[in-house]
């Protein structure tokens, strides 16, 4: 993300300067998983990947990026989108309340 600001140069002229704003941990948004569900976390975007963790009911997850994968039907519809919640950890978007049926984050570089 870039932010423009105006600075005055040595000769008194105004110049627009683009600065890069680093994404901070505070900017990460968390999304709730569907109520009443424990959610399998897999090592990749699909049911063919091993389960590496199980999230308890009431969990919230960050979505770092999203990838297409196995199509799953869950409480929030049918989707082939998988949410990367940490390095090598994916959950089906059909169990995460994002407020959208599509991609809300960039695609993951696999």
C-alpha atoms as a PDB file:
ATOM      1  CA  UNK A   1       0.000   0.000   0.000  1.00  0.00           C
ATOM      2  CA  UNK A   2       1.364   3.462  -0.726  1.00  0.00           C
ATOM      3  CA  UNK A   3       0.547   6.719   0.931  1.00  0.00           C
ATOM      4  CA  UNK A   4       1.129  10.056  -0.767  1.00  0.00           C
ATOM      5  CA  UNK A   5       2.258  13.039   1.230  1.00  0.00           C
ATOM      6  CA  UNK A   6       3.302  16.548   0.276  1.00  0.00           C
ATOM      7  CA  UNK A   7       6.706  17.820   1.329  1.00  0.00           C
ATOM      8  CA  UNK A   8       8.326  21.171   0.775  1.00  0.00           C
ATOM      9  CA  UNK A   9      11.637  21.035  -1.101  1.00  0.00           C
ATOM     10  CA  UNK A  10      14.708  23.129  -0.241  1.00  0.00           C
ATOM     11  CA  UNK A  11      13.734  25.801  -2.784  1.00  0.00           C
ATOM     12  CA  UNK A  12      10.216  26.143  -1.313  1.00  0.00           C
ATOM     13  CA  UNK A  13       8.366  24.130  -3.996  1.00  0.00           C
ATOM     14  CA  UNK A  14       5.899  21.479  -2.979  1.00  0.00           C
ATOM     15  CA  UNK A  15       6.433  17.891  -4.132  1.00  0.00           C
ATOM     16  CA  UNK A  16       4.283  14.775  -3.736  1.00  0.00           C
ATOM     17  CA  UNK A  17       6.214  11.879  -2.257  1.00  0.00           C
ATOM     18  CA  UNK A  18       4.933   8.292  -2.284  1.00  0.00           C
ATOM     19  CA  UNK A  19       5.892   6.311   0.771  1.00  0.00           C
ATOM     20  CA  UNK A  20       5.446   2.613   1.444  1.00  0.00           C
ATOM     21  CA  UNK A  21       3.412   1.717   4.490  1.00  0.00           C
ATOM     22  CA  UNK A  22       4.411  -1.614   5.999  1.00  0.00           C
ATOM     23  CA  UNK A  23       1.630  -4.023   6.864  1.00  0.00           C
ATOM     24  CA  UNK A  24       1.689  -4.475  10.606  1.00  0.00           C
ATOM     25  CA  UNK A  25       0.344  -7.261  12.763  1.00  0.00           C
ATOM     26  CA  UNK A  26      -2.241  -4.797  14.089  1.00  0.00           C
ATOM     27  CA  UNK A  27      -3.718  -4.540  10.577  1.00  0.00           C
ATOM     28  CA  UNK A  28      -4.522  -8.266  10.394  1.00  0.00           C
ATOM     29  CA  UNK A  29      -8.256  -8.955  10.514  1.00  0.00           C
ATOM     30  CA  UNK A  30      -9.644 -12.088  12.167  1.00  0.00           C
ATOM     31  CA  UNK A  31     -12.710 -13.961  10.903  1.00  0.00           C
ATOM     32  CA  UNK A  32     -14.896 -16.323  12.976  1.00  0.00           C
ATOM     33  CA  UNK A  33     -15.355 -19.945  12.053  1.00  0.00           C
ATOM     34  CA  UNK A  34     -18.938 -21.206  11.937  1.00  0.00           C
ATOM     35  CA  UNK A  35     -20.537 -21.589  15.375  1.00  0.00           C
ATOM     36  CA  UNK A  36     -20.745 -25.144  16.667  1.00  0.00           C
ATOM     37  CA  UNK A  37     -17.919 -26.467  14.485  1.00  0.00           C
ATOM     38  CA  UNK A  38     -14.404 -27.687  15.154  1.00  0.00           C
ATOM     39  CA  UNK A  39     -12.397 -27.061  12.000  1.00  0.00           C
ATOM     40  CA  UNK A  40      -9.644 -29.197  10.474  1.00  0.00           C
ATOM     41  CA  UNK A  41      -6.522 -27.273   9.505  1.00  0.00           C
ATOM     42  CA  UNK A  42      -4.697 -28.878   6.584  1.00  0.00           C
ATOM     43  CA  UNK A  43      -1.177 -28.512   5.203  1.00  0.00           C
ATOM     44  CA  UNK A  44      -2.516 -27.441   1.805  1.00  0.00           C
ATOM     45  CA  UNK A  45      -5.676 -26.218   0.053  1.00  0.00           C
ATOM     46  CA  UNK A  46      -7.691 -29.409  -0.081  1.00  0.00           C
ATOM     47  CA  UNK A  47      -8.906 -32.559   1.629  1.00  0.00           C
ATOM     48  CA  UNK A  48      -6.038 -34.539   0.093  1.00  0.00           C
ATOM     49  CA  UNK A  49      -3.594 -32.751   2.402  1.00  0.00           C
ATOM     50  CA  UNK A  50      -2.963 -34.052   5.933  1.00  0.00           C
ATOM     51  CA  UNK A  51      -4.699 -32.520   8.948  1.00  0.00           C
ATOM     52  CA  UNK A  52      -2.084 -30.598  10.958  1.00  0.00           C
ATOM     53  CA  UNK A  53      -4.356 -29.107  13.634  1.00  0.00           C
ATOM     54  CA  UNK A  54      -7.989 -28.834  14.698  1.00  0.00           C
ATOM     55  CA  UNK A  55      -9.451 -25.454  15.681  1.00  0.00           C
ATOM     56  CA  UNK A  56     -11.879 -25.520  18.610  1.00  0.00           C
ATOM     57  CA  UNK A  57     -15.398 -24.100  18.469  1.00  0.00           C
ATOM     58  CA  UNK A  58     -15.439 -20.308  18.699  1.00  0.00           C
ATOM     59  CA  UNK A  59     -12.061 -19.832  17.012  1.00  0.00           C
ATOM     60  CA  UNK A  60     -11.209 -16.866  14.843  1.00  0.00           C
ATOM     61  CA  UNK A  61      -8.606 -16.984  12.087  1.00  0.00           C
ATOM     62  CA  UNK A  62      -6.543 -14.482  10.120  1.00  0.00           C
ATOM     63  CA  UNK A  63      -6.620 -14.909   6.348  1.00  0.00           C
ATOM     64  CA  UNK A  64      -3.173 -14.238   4.922  1.00  0.00           C
ATOM     65  CA  UNK A  65      -3.999 -15.301   1.357  1.00  0.00           C
ATOM     66  CA  UNK A  66      -6.400 -17.654  -0.451  1.00  0.00           C
ATOM     67  CA  UNK A  67      -6.030 -20.535  -2.916  1.00  0.00           C
ATOM     68  CA  UNK A  68      -8.351 -22.647  -5.028  1.00  0.00           C
ATOM     69  CA  UNK A  69      -8.609 -26.272  -3.931  1.00  0.00           C
ATOM     70  CA  UNK A  70     -11.073 -29.041  -3.137  1.00  0.00           C
ATOM     71  CA  UNK A  71     -14.717 -27.917  -3.318  1.00  0.00           C
ATOM     72  CA  UNK A  72     -16.378 -28.126   0.099  1.00  0.00           C
ATOM     73  CA  UNK A  73     -19.965 -27.539   1.246  1.00  0.00           C
ATOM     74  CA  UNK A  74     -20.223 -25.986   4.696  1.00  0.00           C
ATOM     75  CA  UNK A  75     -22.418 -23.643   6.713  1.00  0.00           C
ATOM     76  CA  UNK A  76     -21.426 -20.668   4.530  1.00  0.00           C
ATOM     77  CA  UNK A  77     -22.123 -22.352   1.190  1.00  0.00           C
ATOM     78  CA  UNK A  78     -20.145 -24.362  -1.318  1.00  0.00           C
ATOM     79  CA  UNK A  79     -16.670 -23.119  -2.158  1.00  0.00           C
ATOM     80  CA  UNK A  80     -13.344 -24.213  -3.603  1.00  0.00           C
ATOM     81  CA  UNK A  81     -11.562 -21.357  -1.807  1.00  0.00           C
ATOM     82  CA  UNK A  82      -9.106 -22.278   0.952  1.00  0.00           C
ATOM     83  CA  UNK A  83      -7.853 -19.703   3.435  1.00  0.00           C
ATOM     84  CA  UNK A  84      -4.201 -19.721   4.462  1.00  0.00           C
ATOM     85  CA  UNK A  85      -4.194 -18.922   8.194  1.00  0.00           C
ATOM     86  CA  UNK A  86      -0.451 -19.449   8.800  1.00  0.00           C
ATOM     87  CA  UNK A  87       2.503 -20.832   6.884  1.00  0.00           C
ATOM     88  CA  UNK A  88       1.422 -24.268   5.619  1.00  0.00           C
ATOM     89  CA  UNK A  89      -1.999 -24.103   7.335  1.00  0.00           C
ATOM     90  CA  UNK A  90      -5.257 -23.958   5.355  1.00  0.00           C
ATOM     91  CA  UNK A  91      -8.969 -24.106   6.206  1.00  0.00           C
ATOM     92  CA  UNK A  92     -11.974 -24.291   3.894  1.00  0.00           C
ATOM     93  CA  UNK A  93     -13.569 -20.890   3.320  1.00  0.00           C
ATOM     94  CA  UNK A  94     -16.988 -22.599   3.499  1.00  0.00           C
ATOM     95  CA  UNK A  95     -16.506 -22.653   7.301  1.00  0.00           C
ATOM     96  CA  UNK A  96     -15.198 -19.094   7.732  1.00  0.00           C
ATOM     97  CA  UNK A  97     -17.529 -16.094   7.926  1.00  0.00           C
ATOM     98  CA  UNK A  98     -15.876 -13.600   5.572  1.00  0.00           C
ATOM     99  CA  UNK A  99     -19.025 -11.885   4.341  1.00  0.00           C
ATOM    100  CA  UNK A 100     -18.221 -12.833   0.744  1.00  0.00           C
ATOM    101  CA  UNK A 101     -18.614 -15.813  -1.576  1.00  0.00           C
ATOM    102  CA  UNK A 102     -15.433 -14.840  -3.425  1.00  0.00           C
ATOM    103  CA  UNK A 103     -11.821 -14.010  -2.759  1.00  0.00           C
ATOM    104  CA  UNK A 104     -11.215 -11.329  -0.125  1.00  0.00           C
ATOM    105  CA  UNK A 105      -7.409 -11.621   0.014  1.00  0.00           C
ATOM    106  CA  UNK A 106      -4.722 -12.097  -2.645  1.00  0.00           C
ATOM    107  CA  UNK A 107      -4.068 -15.553  -4.049  1.00  0.00           C
ATOM    108  CA  UNK A 108      -1.339 -17.524  -2.300  1.00  0.00           C
ATOM    109  CA  UNK A 109       1.939 -18.201  -4.055  1.00  0.00           C
ATOM    110  CA  UNK A 110       2.201 -21.968  -3.703  1.00  0.00           C
END
